[in-house]
Amino acid sequence: MNIILMSLIAGVVGMGIGGLLTAAVGSKSDKMTGIFLSFSGGVMISIAFVELIPEAVELANISIMVVGLFVGALLVFGLHYLMDYISRSGGKSKLHDTFAEYFHSGDVISKKSGMLRAGMIMLFAIGLHNVPEGLAMGAAGNYDARLGLTLAIIIGLHNIPEGMAVSAPLMLGGLSKLKAIMITLIAGSTTVLGAVVGVLIGGISEIAIALSFGAAAGAMLYVVLGEILPQSIVMSKDRIPTIFAFLGLVVGMFFTKVLH
C-alpha cells in the first residue's frame, strides 16, 4: 500500500475512532483524558527508541542521528513557543490544570463558546503534533515498506486518545456529534503532510533518511516528554498516568516486535 495512503488512514482512522468513542461514552473527566494521553505518549516513546533511533544509527551513524534528534526537537519547540506567544502574549510555557489549558486555550473555560474555541485550538495543536508522525511514516515507508506499515498501525492506535481530546470540547461547545467527528478527522489528515515531506527527504540518500528518522524521533520525544506526560500528571492529580505511560511503552514495543 502506498505510504501516503497509509499515513492518511493512520491519521484519519485513528483520530476518527477517538471521536466516535467520545460520541459514544462522552468525556468523563480531565483525569481520564490524562490517562489516555499518557498511554499514547508511552506508545510514541516506544516508536522513537525501538524503531526510529536504531534505524537512523544503522543507516548512518550516531552523530547523524543526534543531529536529527536536535533538529526535530528544536523545530517543535519553536512552533510551540510561537503558539504560546500568540495565545498568551509572552511565549512563557507553564503547566496547566485542564486539557483545555493544555492545548493553549488560555484560562479555564466553562461556557459553550469557550469550549468550542478550546476545541479549535486543540485541532490546530494536535494537527501540528501529527506532522512528525507522518514524517516518520513517510521516511520509513520510503526505506522499508514493512517498517512504514508497522509505524502506521502503531501511530493509528496512538491517535485514538488524541481524537478524544479534540472531539470532547467540540461536543461540549455545542457542535453536533457528526460535525465534531468530521472536524476531528481533519486534524488526523495533517499526518499526510509529514508523510510527503518524509518521502521527499528520504528519497535523497541514506543519510537523509537517517536525518528524517532522527528528526521524527526528536519531535515525538519533545512532545511526549515536554508536553504530554507532565500535563497528564497535572490533569489526573496523581501518578496513575505514569503507569499507563509504561503500559503504552510495553504495548508499543509488543506491536513493533509482532508487526515488524
Protein backbone atom coordinates (compact mmCIF):
# COMPACT_ATOMS: atom_id res chain seq x y z
CA MET A 1 0.00 0.00 0.00
CA ASN A 2 1.24 3.48 -0.83
CA ILE A 3 2.84 5.13 2.21
CA ILE A 4 0.91 8.37 1.66
CA LEU A 5 -2.34 6.43 1.74
CA MET A 6 -1.20 4.58 4.86
CA SER A 7 -0.43 7.88 6.59
CA LEU A 8 -3.91 9.15 5.70
CA ILE A 9 -5.54 6.02 7.11
CA ALA A 10 -3.39 6.09 10.28
CA GLY A 11 -4.19 9.74 10.91
CA VAL A 12 -7.83 9.87 9.92
CA VAL A 13 -8.96 6.45 11.17
CA GLY A 14 -7.11 6.74 14.48
CA MET A 15 -8.48 10.22 15.20
CA GLY A 16 -11.90 9.20 13.92
CA ILE A 17 -12.12 6.25 16.32
CA GLY A 18 -11.27 8.63 19.15
CA GLY A 19 -14.06 10.93 18.05
CA LEU A 20 -16.53 8.05 17.83
CA LEU A 21 -15.59 6.85 21.32
CA THR A 22 -16.19 10.32 22.72
CA ALA A 23 -19.55 10.49 20.97
CA ALA A 24 -20.49 7.09 22.40
CA VAL A 25 -19.35 7.42 26.02
CA GLY A 26 -18.67 11.13 26.46
CA SER A 27 -15.71 12.85 28.13
CA LYS A 28 -15.95 11.93 31.82
CA SER A 29 -13.09 13.93 33.28
CA ASP A 30 -9.69 15.51 32.84
CA LYS A 31 -8.30 12.53 34.75
CA MET A 32 -9.49 10.08 32.11
CA THR A 33 -8.19 12.30 29.32
CA GLY A 34 -4.80 12.46 31.04
CA ILE A 35 -4.66 8.67 31.31
CA PHE A 36 -5.44 8.19 27.63
CA LEU A 37 -2.86 10.79 26.60
CA SER A 38 -0.16 9.27 28.82
CA PHE A 39 -0.79 5.84 27.28
CA SER A 40 -0.39 7.31 23.79
CA GLY A 41 2.79 9.04 24.97
CA GLY A 42 4.25 5.69 26.03
CA VAL A 43 3.45 4.28 22.59
CA MET A 44 5.30 7.17 20.93
CA ILE A 45 8.37 6.66 23.13
CA SER A 46 8.50 3.03 22.03
CA ILE A 47 8.37 4.07 18.38
CA ALA A 48 11.25 6.50 18.88
CA PHE A 49 13.57 4.16 20.77
CA VAL A 50 12.66 0.78 19.27
CA GLU A 51 12.34 1.78 15.61
CA LEU A 52 13.42 5.27 14.60
CA ILE A 53 16.64 5.80 16.57
CA PRO A 54 18.14 2.33 15.91
CA GLU A 55 17.29 2.58 12.20
CA ALA A 56 18.90 6.03 11.98
CA VAL A 57 22.11 4.77 13.60
CA GLU A 58 22.19 1.73 11.30
CA LEU A 59 21.72 3.82 8.17
CA ALA A 60 24.32 6.46 9.06
CA ASN A 61 25.93 6.82 12.48
CA ILE A 62 25.09 8.05 15.95
CA SER A 63 26.28 11.60 15.18
CA ILE A 64 23.82 11.97 12.29
CA MET A 65 21.06 10.54 14.46
CA VAL A 66 21.79 13.02 17.26
CA VAL A 67 21.76 15.93 14.81
CA GLY A 68 18.36 14.78 13.59
CA LEU A 69 17.09 14.49 17.18
CA PHE A 70 18.03 18.08 17.93
CA VAL A 71 16.59 19.37 14.65
CA GLY A 72 13.23 17.71 15.33
CA ALA A 73 13.09 18.82 18.96
CA LEU A 74 14.08 22.41 18.17
CA LEU A 75 11.53 22.63 15.36
CA VAL A 76 8.67 21.58 17.64
CA PHE A 77 9.99 23.81 20.43
CA GLY A 78 9.92 26.78 18.07
CA LEU A 79 6.39 26.04 16.88
CA HIS A 80 5.12 25.58 20.45
CA TYR A 81 6.79 28.81 21.53
CA LEU A 82 5.00 30.58 18.69
CA MET A 83 1.67 29.08 19.79
CA ASP A 84 2.31 30.12 23.39
CA TYR A 85 3.27 33.61 22.30
CA ILE A 86 0.12 34.03 20.22
CA SER A 87 -2.27 32.54 22.79
CA ARG A 88 -0.74 34.09 25.92
CA SER A 89 1.18 37.09 24.54
CA GLY A 90 4.50 36.25 26.06
CA GLY A 91 5.70 32.83 25.00
CA LYS A 92 6.17 31.58 28.57
CA SER A 93 5.16 27.94 28.91
CA LYS A 94 3.53 26.69 32.09
CA LEU A 95 1.78 23.62 33.39
CA HIS A 96 -2.00 23.70 33.17
CA ASP A 97 -4.86 22.32 35.22
CA THR A 98 -7.14 21.09 32.41
CA PHE A 99 -6.85 19.64 28.94
CA ALA A 100 -8.36 22.87 27.61
CA GLU A 101 -5.49 24.90 29.04
CA TYR A 102 -3.01 22.20 27.99
CA PHE A 103 -3.74 22.94 24.36
CA HIS A 104 -3.04 26.68 24.76
CA SER A 105 -6.61 27.84 25.15
CA GLY A 106 -5.97 30.35 27.91
CA ASP A 107 -7.94 30.42 31.15
CA VAL A 108 -10.19 27.66 32.42
CA ILE A 109 -13.17 27.55 30.07
CA SER A 110 -16.69 26.60 31.11
CA LYS A 111 -19.05 28.30 28.66
CA LYS A 112 -20.06 26.63 25.40
CA SER A 113 -18.42 29.27 23.23
CA GLY A 114 -15.23 28.90 25.22
CA MET A 115 -15.25 25.13 24.90
CA LEU A 116 -15.75 25.46 21.16
CA ARG A 117 -12.75 27.77 20.98
CA ALA A 118 -10.73 25.33 23.05
CA GLY A 119 -11.63 22.52 20.68
CA MET A 120 -10.50 24.51 17.64
CA ILE A 121 -7.18 25.30 19.33
CA MET A 122 -6.78 21.62 20.14
CA LEU A 123 -7.49 20.89 16.49
CA PHE A 124 -4.54 23.07 15.49
CA ALA A 125 -2.24 21.78 18.23
CA ILE A 126 -2.84 18.08 17.60
CA GLY A 127 -2.72 18.65 13.87
CA LEU A 128 0.76 20.05 14.48
CA HIS A 129 1.68 17.03 16.62
CA ASN A 130 0.63 14.70 13.79
CA VAL A 131 3.16 16.13 11.31
CA PRO A 132 6.28 14.43 12.80
CA GLU A 133 4.32 11.18 12.96
CA GLY A 134 3.71 11.46 9.23
CA LEU A 135 7.38 12.33 8.72
CA ALA A 136 8.36 9.09 10.43
CA MET A 137 5.94 7.05 8.31
CA GLY A 138 7.00 8.71 5.07
CA ALA A 139 10.72 8.25 5.63
CA ALA A 140 10.24 4.70 6.95
CA GLY A 141 7.92 3.62 4.15
CA ASN A 142 10.27 5.00 1.52
CA TYR A 143 13.08 2.95 3.07
CA ASP A 144 11.21 -0.23 4.08
CA ALA A 145 7.54 -0.79 3.26
CA ARG A 146 7.05 -3.19 6.18
CA LEU A 147 8.56 -0.70 8.63
CA GLY A 148 6.26 2.00 7.27
CA LEU A 149 3.24 -0.27 7.78
CA THR A 150 4.34 -1.07 11.34
CA LEU A 151 4.60 2.62 12.22
CA ALA A 152 1.28 3.36 10.53
CA ILE A 153 -0.54 0.80 12.70
CA ILE A 154 1.12 1.93 15.94
CA ILE A 155 0.59 5.62 15.19
CA GLY A 156 -3.03 4.91 14.30
CA LEU A 157 -3.51 3.43 17.79
CA HIS A 158 -1.72 6.42 19.31
CA ASN A 159 -4.10 8.81 17.55
CA ILE A 160 -7.20 7.39 19.24
CA PRO A 161 -6.82 9.31 22.55
CA GLU A 162 -5.81 12.43 20.63
CA GLY A 163 -9.07 12.17 18.68
CA MET A 164 -10.90 12.06 22.01
CA ALA A 165 -9.06 15.18 23.19
CA VAL A 166 -10.13 17.11 20.08
CA SER A 167 -13.75 15.95 19.85
CA ALA A 168 -14.73 16.26 23.52
CA PRO A 169 -14.59 20.09 23.82
CA LEU A 170 -16.19 20.48 20.39
CA MET A 171 -19.20 18.47 21.52
CA LEU A 172 -19.31 20.29 24.86
CA GLY A 173 -19.15 23.53 22.88
CA GLY A 174 -22.43 22.74 21.17
CA LEU A 175 -21.41 21.08 17.90
CA SER A 176 -23.32 18.01 16.83
CA LYS A 177 -21.56 14.68 17.21
CA LEU A 178 -21.31 14.33 13.43
CA LYS A 179 -19.71 17.77 12.96
CA ALA A 180 -17.29 17.20 15.84
CA ILE A 181 -16.18 13.87 14.38
CA MET A 182 -15.71 15.37 10.92
CA ILE A 183 -13.53 18.16 12.33
CA THR A 184 -11.53 15.57 14.28
CA LEU A 185 -10.87 13.74 11.01
CA ILE A 186 -9.35 16.95 9.62
CA ALA A 187 -6.82 17.01 12.48
CA GLY A 188 -5.77 13.48 11.55
CA SER A 189 -5.30 14.34 7.89
CA THR A 190 -2.27 16.54 8.65
CA THR A 191 -0.29 13.32 9.04
CA VAL A 192 -0.20 13.23 5.25
CA LEU A 193 1.79 16.48 5.14
CA GLY A 194 4.55 14.97 7.25
CA ALA A 195 4.49 11.78 5.18
CA VAL A 196 5.00 13.72 1.94
CA VAL A 197 7.99 15.56 3.44
CA GLY A 198 9.39 12.27 4.75
CA VAL A 199 9.14 10.62 1.33
CA LEU A 200 10.77 13.58 -0.44
CA ILE A 201 13.65 13.91 2.03
CA GLY A 202 14.10 10.19 2.49
CA GLY A 203 14.43 9.64 -1.23
CA ILE A 204 17.65 11.68 -1.42
CA SER A 205 20.08 9.35 0.33
CA GLU A 206 20.50 7.04 3.32
CA ILE A 207 21.90 9.94 5.33
CA ALA A 208 18.77 11.93 4.53
CA ILE A 209 16.62 9.01 5.69
CA ALA A 210 18.64 8.79 8.92
CA LEU A 211 18.17 12.52 9.50
CA SER A 212 14.44 12.15 8.86
CA PHE A 213 14.20 9.29 11.36
CA GLY A 214 16.19 11.27 13.91
CA ALA A 215 14.12 14.42 13.40
CA ALA A 216 10.86 12.48 13.72
CA ALA A 217 12.11 10.81 16.91
CA GLY A 218 13.29 14.14 18.35
CA ALA A 219 9.95 15.81 17.61
CA MET A 220 7.99 12.94 19.14
CA LEU A 221 10.15 12.78 22.27
CA TYR A 222 9.91 16.54 22.79
CA VAL A 223 6.12 16.43 22.56
CA VAL A 224 5.84 13.40 24.88
CA LEU A 225 8.44 14.36 27.50
CA GLY A 226 7.85 18.11 27.43
CA GLU A 227 4.09 18.24 26.99
CA ILE A 228 2.05 15.05 27.17
CA LEU A 229 3.46 13.28 30.24
CA PRO A 230 3.83 16.36 32.52
CA GLN A 231 0.36 17.58 31.59
CA SER A 232 -1.16 14.13 32.07
CA ILE A 233 0.11 14.03 35.66
CA VAL A 234 -1.22 17.54 36.37
CA MET A 235 -4.61 16.78 34.82
CA SER A 236 -5.01 13.49 36.71
CA LYS A 237 -3.78 14.93 40.03
CA ASP A 238 -1.90 11.69 40.77
CA ARG A 239 0.75 9.31 39.38
CA ILE A 240 -1.61 6.93 37.59
CA PRO A 241 -0.63 8.33 34.14
CA THR A 242 2.92 7.14 34.79
CA ILE A 243 1.64 3.58 34.98
CA PHE A 244 -0.34 3.97 31.78
CA ALA A 245 2.64 5.57 30.03
CA PHE A 246 4.66 2.48 30.98
CA LEU A 247 1.83 0.27 29.72
CA GLY A 248 1.77 2.22 26.44
CA LEU A 249 5.53 1.73 26.11
CA VAL A 250 5.18 -2.04 26.56
CA VAL A 251 2.23 -2.27 24.15
CA GLY A 252 4.13 -0.22 21.55
CA MET A 253 7.17 -2.47 21.86
CA PHE A 254 4.99 -5.58 21.58
CA PHE A 255 3.24 -4.38 18.43
CA THR A 256 6.55 -3.30 16.92
CA LYS A 257 8.02 -6.75 17.55
CA VAL A 258 4.98 -8.61 16.23
CA LEU A 259 4.42 -6.46 13.14
CA HIS A 260 8.00 -5.82 12.04
